[in-house]
């Protein structure tokens, strides 16, 4: 179902990258606690007001430290999708795990690259760091040629600028140009 992914994606995008693993574990515990039949009956019972459901969800968010998702949880209830609540949480765990396996990089180039060239670079980087890669390409007019790849915890500089600088360093005994 698309709506399950939509809610899950909202949760993932709303989460700070540094908190994603922690929140994923909190949601796993929450799923275990909520998978009881009584909760499911309560949350999907149409005769219980949405305000009462929201009060319960607010308490759950506070007790589990997941306050940042409170409004998303409320939206699930407001749009009469209460029966999907656990499925949204389960999908969040999957989506969060997938996002944690990915690395964001920026590829700086002197000029626009062909898609096939970008794909080759991304494939090499992905293989090198052993993670899936999300990337963006930025044209940097300061570069003469080549490219620089920057990740959160690494840089790969294959630019002509860097080659020239290294050549001069070797010629003048290590001084910067």
C-alpha atoms as a PDB file:
ATOM      1  CA  UNK A   1       0.000   0.000   0.000  1.00  0.00           C
ATOM      2  CA  UNK A   2       1.282   3.420  -0.937  1.00  0.00           C
ATOM      3  CA  UNK A   3      -0.076   5.203   2.125  1.00  0.00           C
ATOM      4  CA  UNK A   4       2.012   3.008   4.438  1.00  0.00           C
ATOM      5  CA  UNK A   5       5.175   4.013   2.565  1.00  0.00           C
ATOM      6  CA  UNK A   6       4.113   7.674   2.580  1.00  0.00           C
ATOM      7  CA  UNK A   7       3.743   7.768   6.358  1.00  0.00           C
ATOM      8  CA  UNK A   8       6.942   5.788   6.846  1.00  0.00           C
ATOM      9  CA  UNK A   9       8.877   8.107   4.533  1.00  0.00           C
ATOM     10  CA  UNK A  10       7.578  11.109   6.472  1.00  0.00           C
ATOM     11  CA  UNK A  11       8.939   9.569   9.651  1.00  0.00           C
ATOM     12  CA  UNK A  12      12.330   8.771   8.097  1.00  0.00           C
ATOM     13  CA  UNK A  13      12.688  12.234   6.550  1.00  0.00           C
ATOM     14  CA  UNK A  14      11.681  13.916   9.805  1.00  0.00           C
ATOM     15  CA  UNK A  15      14.346  12.039  11.767  1.00  0.00           C
ATOM     16  CA  UNK A  16      17.798  13.545  12.217  1.00  0.00           C
ATOM     17  CA  UNK A  17      20.359  11.163  10.692  1.00  0.00           C
ATOM     18  CA  UNK A  18      22.155  10.879  14.033  1.00  0.00           C
ATOM     19  CA  UNK A  19      18.932   9.687  15.723  1.00  0.00           C
ATOM     20  CA  UNK A  20      17.725   7.276  13.053  1.00  0.00           C
ATOM     21  CA  UNK A  21      19.238   4.086  14.507  1.00  0.00           C
ATOM     22  CA  UNK A  22      18.058   4.942  18.031  1.00  0.00           C
ATOM     23  CA  UNK A  23      14.533   5.736  16.863  1.00  0.00           C
ATOM     24  CA  UNK A  24      14.425   2.596  14.752  1.00  0.00           C
ATOM     25  CA  UNK A  25      15.163   0.534  17.885  1.00  0.00           C
ATOM     26  CA  UNK A  26      12.534   2.464  19.872  1.00  0.00           C
ATOM     27  CA  UNK A  27       9.955   1.764  17.170  1.00  0.00           C
ATOM     28  CA  UNK A  28      10.877  -1.953  17.202  1.00  0.00           C
ATOM     29  CA  UNK A  29      10.162  -2.030  20.949  1.00  0.00           C
ATOM     30  CA  UNK A  30       6.950  -0.082  20.408  1.00  0.00           C
ATOM     31  CA  UNK A  31       5.781  -2.607  17.794  1.00  0.00           C
ATOM     32  CA  UNK A  32       6.376  -5.436  20.250  1.00  0.00           C
ATOM     33  CA  UNK A  33       4.401  -3.647  22.932  1.00  0.00           C
ATOM     34  CA  UNK A  34       1.543  -2.595  20.660  1.00  0.00           C
ATOM     35  CA  UNK A  35       1.051  -5.826  18.784  1.00  0.00           C
ATOM     36  CA  UNK A  36      -1.348  -6.886  21.486  1.00  0.00           C
ATOM     37  CA  UNK A  37      -4.901  -7.452  20.291  1.00  0.00           C
ATOM     38  CA  UNK A  38      -6.360  -4.965  22.800  1.00  0.00           C
ATOM     39  CA  UNK A  39      -4.418  -2.031  21.381  1.00  0.00           C
ATOM     40  CA  UNK A  40      -5.318  -2.950  17.822  1.00  0.00           C
ATOM     41  CA  UNK A  41      -8.994  -3.224  18.745  1.00  0.00           C
ATOM     42  CA  UNK A  42      -8.854   0.162  20.488  1.00  0.00           C
ATOM     43  CA  UNK A  43      -6.978   2.038  17.773  1.00  0.00           C
ATOM     44  CA  UNK A  44      -9.193   0.716  14.947  1.00  0.00           C
ATOM     45  CA  UNK A  45     -12.508   0.985  16.812  1.00  0.00           C
ATOM     46  CA  UNK A  46     -14.628   3.557  14.956  1.00  0.00           C
ATOM     47  CA  UNK A  47     -16.847   4.173  17.988  1.00  0.00           C
ATOM     48  CA  UNK A  48     -13.895   5.597  19.980  1.00  0.00           C
ATOM     49  CA  UNK A  49     -13.242   9.253  19.235  1.00  0.00           C
ATOM     50  CA  UNK A  50     -10.091  10.307  17.443  1.00  0.00           C
ATOM     51  CA  UNK A  51      -9.338  12.661  20.352  1.00  0.00           C
ATOM     52  CA  UNK A  52      -9.174   9.718  22.753  1.00  0.00           C
ATOM     53  CA  UNK A  53      -6.965   7.838  20.317  1.00  0.00           C
ATOM     54  CA  UNK A  54      -4.734  10.908  20.014  1.00  0.00           C
ATOM     55  CA  UNK A  55      -4.450  11.143  23.801  1.00  0.00           C
ATOM     56  CA  UNK A  56      -3.306   7.539  23.948  1.00  0.00           C
ATOM     57  CA  UNK A  57      -0.827   8.077  21.101  1.00  0.00           C
ATOM     58  CA  UNK A  58       0.531  11.190  22.839  1.00  0.00           C
ATOM     59  CA  UNK A  59       1.155   9.186  26.018  1.00  0.00           C
ATOM     60  CA  UNK A  60       2.816   6.412  24.014  1.00  0.00           C
ATOM     61  CA  UNK A  61       5.072   8.933  22.240  1.00  0.00           C
ATOM     62  CA  UNK A  62       6.133  10.532  25.525  1.00  0.00           C
ATOM     63  CA  UNK A  63       6.835   7.215  27.232  1.00  0.00           C
ATOM     64  CA  UNK A  64       8.858   5.862  24.319  1.00  0.00           C
ATOM     65  CA  UNK A  65      10.732   9.074  23.473  1.00  0.00           C
ATOM     66  CA  UNK A  66       9.177   9.266  20.027  1.00  0.00           C
ATOM     67  CA  UNK A  67       7.495  12.658  20.435  1.00  0.00           C
ATOM     68  CA  UNK A  68       8.755  13.819  17.033  1.00  0.00           C
ATOM     69  CA  UNK A  69       6.356  11.376  15.353  1.00  0.00           C
ATOM     70  CA  UNK A  70       3.284  12.364  17.362  1.00  0.00           C
ATOM     71  CA  UNK A  71       1.701  14.421  14.585  1.00  0.00           C
ATOM     72  CA  UNK A  72       2.302  11.717  12.001  1.00  0.00           C
ATOM     73  CA  UNK A  73       0.648   9.199  14.324  1.00  0.00           C
ATOM     74  CA  UNK A  74      -2.275  11.588  14.768  1.00  0.00           C
ATOM     75  CA  UNK A  75      -2.596  11.954  10.993  1.00  0.00           C
ATOM     76  CA  UNK A  76      -2.862   8.189  10.619  1.00  0.00           C
ATOM     77  CA  UNK A  77      -5.764   8.264  13.085  1.00  0.00           C
ATOM     78  CA  UNK A  78      -7.385  11.380  11.585  1.00  0.00           C
ATOM     79  CA  UNK A  79      -7.605   9.865   8.134  1.00  0.00           C
ATOM     80  CA  UNK A  80      -9.230   6.708   9.471  1.00  0.00           C
ATOM     81  CA  UNK A  81      -6.162   4.643   8.760  1.00  0.00           C
ATOM     82  CA  UNK A  82      -5.810   3.368  12.310  1.00  0.00           C
ATOM     83  CA  UNK A  83      -5.779  -0.207  11.114  1.00  0.00           C
ATOM     84  CA  UNK A  84      -2.533   0.621   9.266  1.00  0.00           C
ATOM     85  CA  UNK A  85      -0.768   2.011  12.328  1.00  0.00           C
ATOM     86  CA  UNK A  86       1.359  -1.068  13.114  1.00  0.00           C
ATOM     87  CA  UNK A  87       2.102  -1.564   9.397  1.00  0.00           C
ATOM     88  CA  UNK A  88       3.406   2.026   9.203  1.00  0.00           C
ATOM     89  CA  UNK A  89       5.694   1.357  12.177  1.00  0.00           C
ATOM     90  CA  UNK A  90       6.940  -1.886  10.615  1.00  0.00           C
ATOM     91  CA  UNK A  91       7.623  -0.110   7.325  1.00  0.00           C
ATOM     92  CA  UNK A  92       9.496   2.626   9.175  1.00  0.00           C
ATOM     93  CA  UNK A  93      11.867   0.008  10.622  1.00  0.00           C
ATOM     94  CA  UNK A  94      12.534  -1.308   7.103  1.00  0.00           C
ATOM     95  CA  UNK A  95      12.969   2.167   5.594  1.00  0.00           C
ATOM     96  CA  UNK A  96      15.196   3.361   8.444  1.00  0.00           C
ATOM     97  CA  UNK A  97      17.416   0.288   8.117  1.00  0.00           C
ATOM     98  CA  UNK A  98      17.729   0.900   4.372  1.00  0.00           C
ATOM     99  CA  UNK A  99      18.628   4.539   4.925  1.00  0.00           C
ATOM    100  CA  UNK A 100      21.245   3.601   7.524  1.00  0.00           C
ATOM    101  CA  UNK A 101      22.911   1.370   4.933  1.00  0.00           C
ATOM    102  CA  UNK A 102      23.337   4.331   2.580  1.00  0.00           C
ATOM    103  CA  UNK A 103      26.029   6.967   2.339  1.00  0.00           C
ATOM    104  CA  UNK A 104      25.504  10.494   1.006  1.00  0.00           C
ATOM    105  CA  UNK A 105      28.200  11.847  -1.280  1.00  0.00           C
ATOM    106  CA  UNK A 106      28.729  14.919  -3.415  1.00  0.00           C
ATOM    107  CA  UNK A 107      30.637  14.678  -6.679  1.00  0.00           C
ATOM    108  CA  UNK A 108      32.284  17.956  -7.691  1.00  0.00           C
ATOM    109  CA  UNK A 109      33.242  18.215 -11.359  1.00  0.00           C
ATOM    110  CA  UNK A 110      34.644  20.885 -13.657  1.00  0.00           C
ATOM    111  CA  UNK A 111      31.793  20.387 -16.118  1.00  0.00           C
ATOM    112  CA  UNK A 112      28.581  18.436 -16.621  1.00  0.00           C
ATOM    113  CA  UNK A 113      29.227  14.671 -16.741  1.00  0.00           C
ATOM    114  CA  UNK A 114      27.398  12.067 -18.794  1.00  0.00           C
ATOM    115  CA  UNK A 115      24.994   9.936 -16.790  1.00  0.00           C
ATOM    116  CA  UNK A 116      27.012   6.840 -17.674  1.00  0.00           C
ATOM    117  CA  UNK A 117      30.186   8.456 -16.247  1.00  0.00           C
ATOM    118  CA  UNK A 118      28.402   9.454 -13.033  1.00  0.00           C
ATOM    119  CA  UNK A 119      27.025   5.916 -12.711  1.00  0.00           C
ATOM    120  CA  UNK A 120      30.526   4.446 -13.067  1.00  0.00           C
ATOM    121  CA  UNK A 121      31.877   6.800 -10.377  1.00  0.00           C
ATOM    122  CA  UNK A 122      28.989   6.012  -8.029  1.00  0.00           C
ATOM    123  CA  UNK A 123      29.410   2.265  -8.585  1.00  0.00           C
ATOM    124  CA  UNK A 124      33.155   2.496  -7.782  1.00  0.00           C
ATOM    125  CA  UNK A 125      32.539   4.572  -4.647  1.00  0.00           C
ATOM    126  CA  UNK A 126      29.763   2.236  -3.512  1.00  0.00           C
ATOM    127  CA  UNK A 127      32.093  -0.729  -3.942  1.00  0.00           C
ATOM    128  CA  UNK A 128      34.943   1.104  -2.200  1.00  0.00           C
ATOM    129  CA  UNK A 129      32.924   2.058   0.904  1.00  0.00           C
ATOM    130  CA  UNK A 130      30.731  -1.068   0.790  1.00  0.00           C
ATOM    131  CA  UNK A 131      27.461   0.887   1.108  1.00  0.00           C
ATOM    132  CA  UNK A 132      24.663   2.064  -1.121  1.00  0.00           C
ATOM    133  CA  UNK A 133      25.262   5.620  -2.275  1.00  0.00           C
ATOM    134  CA  UNK A 134      22.966   8.624  -2.588  1.00  0.00           C
ATOM    135  CA  UNK A 135      24.698  11.282  -4.615  1.00  0.00           C
ATOM    136  CA  UNK A 136      24.437  14.744  -6.030  1.00  0.00           C
ATOM    137  CA  UNK A 137      26.642  16.242  -8.717  1.00  0.00           C
ATOM    138  CA  UNK A 138      27.878  19.824  -8.417  1.00  0.00           C
ATOM    139  CA  UNK A 139      29.681  21.634 -11.217  1.00  0.00           C
ATOM    140  CA  UNK A 140      32.586  23.567  -9.659  1.00  0.00           C
ATOM    141  CA  UNK A 141      34.094  26.106 -12.073  1.00  0.00           C
ATOM    142  CA  UNK A 142      37.224  26.315  -9.871  1.00  0.00           C
ATOM    143  CA  UNK A 143      38.218  22.828 -11.003  1.00  0.00           C
ATOM    144  CA  UNK A 144      40.254  22.497 -14.177  1.00  0.00           C
ATOM    145  CA  UNK A 145      39.230  18.889 -14.752  1.00  0.00           C
ATOM    146  CA  UNK A 146      38.693  15.612 -12.972  1.00  0.00           C
ATOM    147  CA  UNK A 147      36.478  15.320  -9.926  1.00  0.00           C
ATOM    148  CA  UNK A 148      36.368  15.428  -6.135  1.00  0.00           C
ATOM    149  CA  UNK A 149      34.087  13.157  -4.134  1.00  0.00           C
ATOM    150  CA  UNK A 150      33.147  14.221  -0.606  1.00  0.00           C
ATOM    151  CA  UNK A 151      31.364  12.011   1.877  1.00  0.00           C
ATOM    152  CA  UNK A 152      30.707  12.576   5.560  1.00  0.00           C
ATOM    153  CA  UNK A 153      33.931  10.849   6.546  1.00  0.00           C
ATOM    154  CA  UNK A 154      36.091  10.750   3.402  1.00  0.00           C
ATOM    155  CA  UNK A 155      37.328  12.743   0.408  1.00  0.00           C
ATOM    156  CA  UNK A 156      38.583  11.375  -2.892  1.00  0.00           C
ATOM    157  CA  UNK A 157      40.387  14.002  -4.938  1.00  0.00           C
ATOM    158  CA  UNK A 158      41.024  13.015  -8.542  1.00  0.00           C
ATOM    159  CA  UNK A 159      41.092  16.589  -9.820  1.00  0.00           C
ATOM    160  CA  UNK A 160      43.678  18.079 -12.142  1.00  0.00           C
ATOM    161  CA  UNK A 161      44.045  20.894  -9.596  1.00  0.00           C
ATOM    162  CA  UNK A 162      45.191  18.354  -7.003  1.00  0.00           C
ATOM    163  CA  UNK A 163      47.564  16.653  -9.475  1.00  0.00           C
ATOM    164  CA  UNK A 164      49.191  19.993 -10.325  1.00  0.00           C
ATOM    165  CA  UNK A 165      49.503  20.932  -6.654  1.00  0.00           C
ATOM    166  CA  UNK A 166      51.106  17.566  -5.837  1.00  0.00           C
ATOM    167  CA  UNK A 167      53.496  17.938  -8.767  1.00  0.00           C
ATOM    168  CA  UNK A 168      54.625  21.353  -7.505  1.00  0.00           C
ATOM    169  CA  UNK A 169      54.957  20.048  -3.939  1.00  0.00           C
ATOM    170  CA  UNK A 170      57.345  17.394  -5.239  1.00  0.00           C
ATOM    171  CA  UNK A 171      59.342  19.966  -7.184  1.00  0.00           C
ATOM    172  CA  UNK A 172      59.745  22.484  -4.371  1.00  0.00           C
ATOM    173  CA  UNK A 173      60.265  20.103  -1.489  1.00  0.00           C
ATOM    174  CA  UNK A 174      56.787  19.897   0.023  1.00  0.00           C
ATOM    175  CA  UNK A 175      55.884  23.600   0.144  1.00  0.00           C
ATOM    176  CA  UNK A 176      52.370  24.599  -0.822  1.00  0.00           C
ATOM    177  CA  UNK A 177      51.960  26.338  -4.127  1.00  0.00           C
END
